[in-house]
Amino acid sequence: MVWDSRVDVHVYNQPTDMRKSHDGLAALCRHVIGNDPLGGHVFVFMNKRRDRVKALYWDGTGLCLLYKRLETGQFTNLWDPDQPQRLSTMELRLLIEGAELKGKLPLTPPEFEI
């Protein structure tokens, strides 16, 4: 799993049933988030207790599913009831490692415009 900084990371903003697999999560991407799961983006889903996270992504040949369960503690709360949230790929790596993402600041500068 190597994502460069150009990959968009979308966080589903509600608890997700972790029994969903590729097809169920891809349906959430299409119909709820409004993005094509085959578009090269990463989609992040978390369960209600926030001790499990899944990331769905297209690697060019098929849908891949990363799944992590924390044995102790919780993943940081990323649910924003107003809108789907986006992360940078570095923030996604920090999330998967179990880091707290408090006071989220952009890790990359805005694009330079001429």
N, C-alpha and C. Protein backbone atom coordinates (compact mmCIF):
# COMPACT_ATOMS: atom_id res chain seq x y z
N MET A 1 0.84 -1.16 0.00
CA MET A 1 0.00 0.00 0.00
C MET A 1 0.89 1.23 0.00
N VAL A 2 1.09 1.77 -1.17
CA VAL A 2 1.88 2.99 -1.30
C VAL A 2 1.03 3.99 -2.07
N TRP A 3 0.60 5.02 -1.37
CA TRP A 3 -0.19 6.07 -2.00
C TRP A 3 0.64 7.34 -2.03
N ASP A 4 0.66 8.01 -3.18
CA ASP A 4 1.38 9.28 -3.23
C ASP A 4 0.45 10.41 -2.80
N SER A 5 0.98 11.60 -2.71
CA SER A 5 0.23 12.73 -2.16
C SER A 5 -0.89 13.20 -3.07
N ARG A 6 -0.93 12.72 -4.31
CA ARG A 6 -1.99 13.14 -5.24
C ARG A 6 -3.27 12.33 -5.08
N VAL A 7 -3.25 11.29 -4.27
CA VAL A 7 -4.43 10.45 -4.07
C VAL A 7 -5.38 11.14 -3.09
N ASP A 8 -6.65 11.21 -3.45
CA ASP A 8 -7.66 11.77 -2.55
C ASP A 8 -8.10 10.69 -1.58
N VAL A 9 -8.19 11.05 -0.30
CA VAL A 9 -8.63 10.12 0.74
C VAL A 9 -9.94 10.67 1.30
N HIS A 10 -11.02 9.91 1.14
CA HIS A 10 -12.34 10.31 1.60
C HIS A 10 -12.71 9.48 2.82
N VAL A 11 -13.21 10.13 3.86
CA VAL A 11 -13.63 9.44 5.08
C VAL A 11 -15.15 9.43 5.11
N TYR A 12 -15.74 8.24 5.20
CA TYR A 12 -17.18 8.12 5.36
C TYR A 12 -17.52 8.60 6.76
N ASN A 13 -18.49 9.53 6.86
CA ASN A 13 -18.69 10.25 8.11
C ASN A 13 -19.70 9.62 9.07
N GLN A 14 -19.96 8.32 8.93
CA GLN A 14 -20.86 7.63 9.85
C GLN A 14 -20.29 6.25 10.17
N PRO A 15 -20.68 5.69 11.31
CA PRO A 15 -20.23 4.33 11.62
C PRO A 15 -20.65 3.35 10.52
N THR A 16 -19.78 2.40 10.23
CA THR A 16 -20.02 1.44 9.15
C THR A 16 -19.98 0.03 9.70
N ASP A 17 -20.85 -0.81 9.18
CA ASP A 17 -20.88 -2.22 9.53
C ASP A 17 -19.63 -2.87 8.93
N MET A 18 -18.73 -3.36 9.77
CA MET A 18 -17.48 -3.93 9.30
C MET A 18 -17.65 -5.30 8.65
N ARG A 19 -18.88 -5.81 8.62
CA ARG A 19 -19.13 -7.05 7.88
C ARG A 19 -19.20 -6.79 6.38
N LYS A 20 -19.33 -5.53 5.99
CA LYS A 20 -19.36 -5.19 4.56
C LYS A 20 -17.99 -5.48 3.95
N SER A 21 -18.04 -6.04 2.75
CA SER A 21 -16.78 -6.30 2.06
C SER A 21 -16.68 -5.37 0.86
N HIS A 22 -15.91 -5.76 -0.13
CA HIS A 22 -15.63 -4.91 -1.30
C HIS A 22 -16.90 -4.33 -1.91
N ASP A 23 -17.87 -5.17 -2.22
CA ASP A 23 -19.06 -4.73 -2.92
C ASP A 23 -19.93 -3.80 -2.08
N GLY A 24 -20.12 -4.13 -0.81
CA GLY A 24 -20.92 -3.28 0.07
C GLY A 24 -20.30 -1.91 0.28
N LEU A 25 -18.99 -1.87 0.47
CA LEU A 25 -18.30 -0.60 0.64
C LEU A 25 -18.26 0.20 -0.67
N ALA A 26 -18.11 -0.50 -1.79
CA ALA A 26 -18.13 0.18 -3.09
C ALA A 26 -19.49 0.81 -3.34
N ALA A 27 -20.56 0.15 -2.90
CA ALA A 27 -21.91 0.72 -3.04
C ALA A 27 -22.04 2.00 -2.21
N LEU A 28 -21.47 2.00 -1.00
CA LEU A 28 -21.48 3.23 -0.19
C LEU A 28 -20.72 4.35 -0.91
N CYS A 29 -19.61 4.02 -1.53
CA CYS A 29 -18.83 5.02 -2.27
C CYS A 29 -19.66 5.64 -3.39
N ARG A 30 -20.33 4.79 -4.15
CA ARG A 30 -21.12 5.27 -5.29
C ARG A 30 -22.34 6.06 -4.86
N HIS A 31 -23.15 5.48 -3.99
CA HIS A 31 -24.48 6.02 -3.73
C HIS A 31 -24.55 7.01 -2.57
N VAL A 32 -23.64 6.93 -1.62
CA VAL A 32 -23.70 7.83 -0.46
C VAL A 32 -22.63 8.91 -0.57
N ILE A 33 -21.40 8.51 -0.80
CA ILE A 33 -20.31 9.48 -0.91
C ILE A 33 -20.36 10.18 -2.27
N GLY A 34 -20.83 9.46 -3.30
CA GLY A 34 -20.96 10.06 -4.62
C GLY A 34 -19.70 10.02 -5.46
N ASN A 35 -18.82 9.07 -5.20
CA ASN A 35 -17.58 8.93 -5.97
C ASN A 35 -17.46 7.52 -6.50
N ASP A 36 -16.74 7.40 -7.61
CA ASP A 36 -16.50 6.10 -8.22
C ASP A 36 -15.39 5.38 -7.47
N PRO A 37 -15.67 4.19 -6.90
CA PRO A 37 -14.63 3.47 -6.18
C PRO A 37 -13.49 3.00 -7.09
N LEU A 38 -13.70 3.05 -8.40
CA LEU A 38 -12.65 2.65 -9.34
C LEU A 38 -11.88 3.86 -9.87
N GLY A 39 -12.04 5.01 -9.22
CA GLY A 39 -11.44 6.25 -9.69
C GLY A 39 -10.05 6.53 -9.15
N GLY A 40 -9.49 5.62 -8.35
CA GLY A 40 -8.15 5.84 -7.83
C GLY A 40 -8.10 6.52 -6.48
N HIS A 41 -9.26 6.78 -5.88
CA HIS A 41 -9.31 7.39 -4.55
C HIS A 41 -9.26 6.31 -3.49
N VAL A 42 -8.99 6.72 -2.25
CA VAL A 42 -9.04 5.82 -1.10
C VAL A 42 -10.25 6.23 -0.26
N PHE A 43 -11.03 5.25 0.16
CA PHE A 43 -12.22 5.50 0.96
C PHE A 43 -12.04 4.81 2.31
N VAL A 44 -12.23 5.57 3.39
CA VAL A 44 -11.99 5.07 4.73
C VAL A 44 -13.31 4.93 5.47
N PHE A 45 -13.49 3.77 6.12
CA PHE A 45 -14.70 3.46 6.88
C PHE A 45 -14.29 2.99 8.27
N MET A 46 -15.10 3.36 9.28
CA MET A 46 -14.80 3.00 10.65
C MET A 46 -16.06 2.47 11.33
N ASN A 47 -15.89 1.54 12.27
CA ASN A 47 -17.04 1.01 13.01
C ASN A 47 -17.43 1.95 14.15
N LYS A 48 -18.56 1.66 14.79
CA LYS A 48 -19.11 2.53 15.84
C LYS A 48 -18.15 2.69 17.02
N ARG A 49 -17.47 1.60 17.43
CA ARG A 49 -16.54 1.67 18.57
C ARG A 49 -15.21 2.30 18.19
N ARG A 50 -14.99 2.50 16.91
CA ARG A 50 -13.77 3.09 16.37
C ARG A 50 -12.52 2.27 16.71
N ASP A 51 -12.69 0.96 16.78
CA ASP A 51 -11.51 0.11 16.98
C ASP A 51 -11.17 -0.68 15.72
N ARG A 52 -11.95 -0.47 14.66
CA ARG A 52 -11.70 -1.13 13.38
C ARG A 52 -11.84 -0.12 12.26
N VAL A 53 -10.97 -0.22 11.28
CA VAL A 53 -11.01 0.68 10.14
C VAL A 53 -10.75 -0.14 8.87
N LYS A 54 -11.46 0.23 7.81
CA LYS A 54 -11.23 -0.36 6.49
C LYS A 54 -10.97 0.75 5.50
N ALA A 55 -10.05 0.49 4.59
CA ALA A 55 -9.75 1.42 3.50
C ALA A 55 -9.93 0.66 2.19
N LEU A 56 -10.76 1.19 1.32
CA LEU A 56 -11.05 0.58 0.02
C LEU A 56 -10.37 1.42 -1.05
N TYR A 57 -9.64 0.77 -1.94
CA TYR A 57 -8.98 1.50 -3.02
C TYR A 57 -8.80 0.62 -4.24
N TRP A 58 -8.71 1.26 -5.38
CA TRP A 58 -8.48 0.61 -6.67
C TRP A 58 -7.01 0.71 -6.99
N ASP A 59 -6.36 -0.43 -7.25
CA ASP A 59 -4.92 -0.40 -7.53
C ASP A 59 -4.61 -0.46 -9.02
N GLY A 60 -5.63 -0.37 -9.86
CA GLY A 60 -5.45 -0.42 -11.31
C GLY A 60 -5.86 -1.76 -11.90
N THR A 61 -5.92 -2.80 -11.07
CA THR A 61 -6.34 -4.11 -11.55
C THR A 61 -7.52 -4.67 -10.77
N GLY A 62 -7.77 -4.15 -9.58
CA GLY A 62 -8.88 -4.64 -8.78
C GLY A 62 -9.05 -3.82 -7.51
N LEU A 63 -10.19 -4.03 -6.85
CA LEU A 63 -10.44 -3.34 -5.58
C LEU A 63 -9.66 -4.02 -4.47
N CYS A 64 -8.97 -3.23 -3.68
CA CYS A 64 -8.21 -3.73 -2.54
C CYS A 64 -8.86 -3.25 -1.27
N LEU A 65 -8.74 -4.05 -0.23
CA LEU A 65 -9.34 -3.71 1.05
C LEU A 65 -8.30 -3.87 2.15
N LEU A 66 -7.97 -2.77 2.81
CA LEU A 66 -7.08 -2.80 3.96
C LEU A 66 -7.97 -2.80 5.19
N TYR A 67 -7.67 -3.67 6.15
CA TYR A 67 -8.49 -3.79 7.35
C TYR A 67 -7.57 -3.83 8.56
N LYS A 68 -7.85 -2.97 9.55
CA LYS A 68 -7.03 -2.98 10.75
C LYS A 68 -7.95 -2.94 11.97
N ARG A 69 -7.60 -3.77 12.96
CA ARG A 69 -8.32 -3.81 14.23
C ARG A 69 -7.33 -3.49 15.33
N LEU A 70 -7.65 -2.48 16.13
CA LEU A 70 -6.81 -2.15 17.28
C LEU A 70 -7.14 -3.08 18.43
N GLU A 71 -6.14 -3.60 19.08
CA GLU A 71 -6.35 -4.48 20.23
C GLU A 71 -6.71 -3.68 21.47
N THR A 72 -6.16 -2.48 21.59
CA THR A 72 -6.52 -1.58 22.70
C THR A 72 -6.67 -0.18 22.14
N GLY A 73 -7.54 0.61 22.74
CA GLY A 73 -7.73 1.99 22.32
C GLY A 73 -8.68 2.13 21.15
N GLN A 74 -8.73 3.34 20.62
CA GLN A 74 -9.63 3.66 19.52
C GLN A 74 -8.89 4.50 18.49
N PHE A 75 -9.39 4.44 17.25
CA PHE A 75 -8.92 5.36 16.22
C PHE A 75 -9.52 6.73 16.53
N THR A 76 -8.86 7.77 16.08
CA THR A 76 -9.37 9.12 16.30
C THR A 76 -10.73 9.30 15.61
N ASN A 77 -11.59 10.12 16.18
CA ASN A 77 -12.92 10.33 15.64
C ASN A 77 -12.86 11.30 14.47
N LEU A 78 -13.21 10.82 13.29
CA LEU A 78 -13.19 11.64 12.08
C LEU A 78 -14.58 11.95 11.55
N TRP A 79 -15.61 11.60 12.30
CA TRP A 79 -16.96 11.77 11.77
C TRP A 79 -17.41 13.21 11.90
N ASP A 80 -17.68 13.81 10.79
CA ASP A 80 -18.24 15.15 10.73
C ASP A 80 -19.64 14.99 10.15
N PRO A 81 -20.68 15.26 10.96
CA PRO A 81 -22.04 15.00 10.49
C PRO A 81 -22.46 15.88 9.31
N ASP A 82 -21.76 16.96 9.07
CA ASP A 82 -22.18 17.88 8.02
C ASP A 82 -21.69 17.50 6.63
N GLN A 83 -20.52 16.91 6.55
CA GLN A 83 -19.97 16.61 5.22
C GLN A 83 -18.91 15.52 5.31
N PRO A 84 -18.70 14.80 4.20
CA PRO A 84 -17.60 13.83 4.19
C PRO A 84 -16.28 14.57 4.36
N GLN A 85 -15.38 13.95 5.06
CA GLN A 85 -14.09 14.57 5.35
C GLN A 85 -13.02 14.01 4.44
N ARG A 86 -12.02 14.80 4.16
CA ARG A 86 -10.88 14.37 3.37
C ARG A 86 -9.63 14.40 4.23
N LEU A 87 -8.74 13.48 3.94
CA LEU A 87 -7.44 13.42 4.61
C LEU A 87 -6.35 13.43 3.56
N SER A 88 -5.17 13.82 3.97
CA SER A 88 -4.00 13.63 3.11
C SER A 88 -3.55 12.18 3.28
N THR A 89 -2.72 11.71 2.39
CA THR A 89 -2.22 10.33 2.52
C THR A 89 -1.37 10.18 3.77
N MET A 90 -0.66 11.23 4.18
CA MET A 90 0.13 11.16 5.41
C MET A 90 -0.79 11.05 6.62
N GLU A 91 -1.88 11.81 6.63
CA GLU A 91 -2.84 11.72 7.73
C GLU A 91 -3.48 10.34 7.78
N LEU A 92 -3.72 9.74 6.62
CA LEU A 92 -4.25 8.38 6.59
C LEU A 92 -3.26 7.41 7.22
N ARG A 93 -2.00 7.55 6.90
CA ARG A 93 -0.98 6.68 7.50
C ARG A 93 -0.93 6.86 9.01
N LEU A 94 -1.03 8.10 9.47
CA LEU A 94 -1.05 8.35 10.91
C LEU A 94 -2.29 7.73 11.55
N LEU A 95 -3.44 7.86 10.89
CA LEU A 95 -4.67 7.27 11.40
C LEU A 95 -4.53 5.76 11.54
N ILE A 96 -4.01 5.10 10.51
CA ILE A 96 -3.87 3.64 10.52
C ILE A 96 -2.90 3.20 11.62
N GLU A 97 -1.92 4.04 11.91
CA GLU A 97 -0.98 3.72 12.99
C GLU A 97 -1.59 3.95 14.37
N GLY A 98 -2.77 4.58 14.42
CA GLY A 98 -3.44 4.80 15.69
C GLY A 98 -3.15 6.16 16.31
N ALA A 99 -2.57 7.08 15.53
CA ALA A 99 -2.25 8.41 16.07
C ALA A 99 -3.52 9.24 16.21
N GLU A 100 -3.51 10.16 17.15
CA GLU A 100 -4.59 11.11 17.36
C GLU A 100 -4.41 12.24 16.35
N LEU A 101 -5.45 12.60 15.62
CA LEU A 101 -5.39 13.70 14.66
C LEU A 101 -6.20 14.86 15.21
N LYS A 102 -5.68 15.52 16.21
CA LYS A 102 -6.37 16.65 16.84
C LYS A 102 -5.85 17.95 16.25
N GLY A 103 -6.74 18.91 16.12
CA GLY A 103 -6.34 20.19 15.58
C GLY A 103 -5.77 20.05 14.18
N LYS A 104 -6.46 19.28 13.35
CA LYS A 104 -5.99 18.92 12.02
C LYS A 104 -5.54 20.15 11.23
N LEU A 105 -4.29 20.15 10.84
CA LEU A 105 -3.74 21.19 9.99
C LEU A 105 -3.29 20.56 8.69
N PRO A 106 -3.40 21.28 7.57
CA PRO A 106 -2.92 20.70 6.32
C PRO A 106 -1.43 20.42 6.38
N LEU A 107 -1.03 19.25 5.91
CA LEU A 107 0.38 18.88 5.92
C LEU A 107 1.10 19.30 4.66
N THR A 108 0.34 19.71 3.64
CA THR A 108 0.96 20.14 2.41
C THR A 108 0.47 21.57 2.09
N PRO A 109 1.33 22.39 1.53
CA PRO A 109 0.90 23.76 1.19
C PRO A 109 -0.11 23.74 0.05
N PRO A 110 -0.88 24.82 -0.09
CA PRO A 110 -1.81 24.89 -1.23
C PRO A 110 -1.04 24.92 -2.54
N GLU A 111 -1.70 24.50 -3.62
CA GLU A 111 -1.05 24.47 -4.92
C GLU A 111 -0.68 25.89 -5.35
N PHE A 112 0.47 26.01 -5.98
CA PHE A 112 0.95 27.29 -6.46
C PHE A 112 0.20 27.67 -7.73
N GLU A 113 -0.32 28.90 -7.76
CA GLU A 113 -1.03 29.38 -8.94
C GLU A 113 -0.25 30.52 -9.57
N ILE A 114 -0.19 30.50 -10.88
CA ILE A 114 0.52 31.54 -11.62
C ILE A 114 -0.43 32.63 -12.03
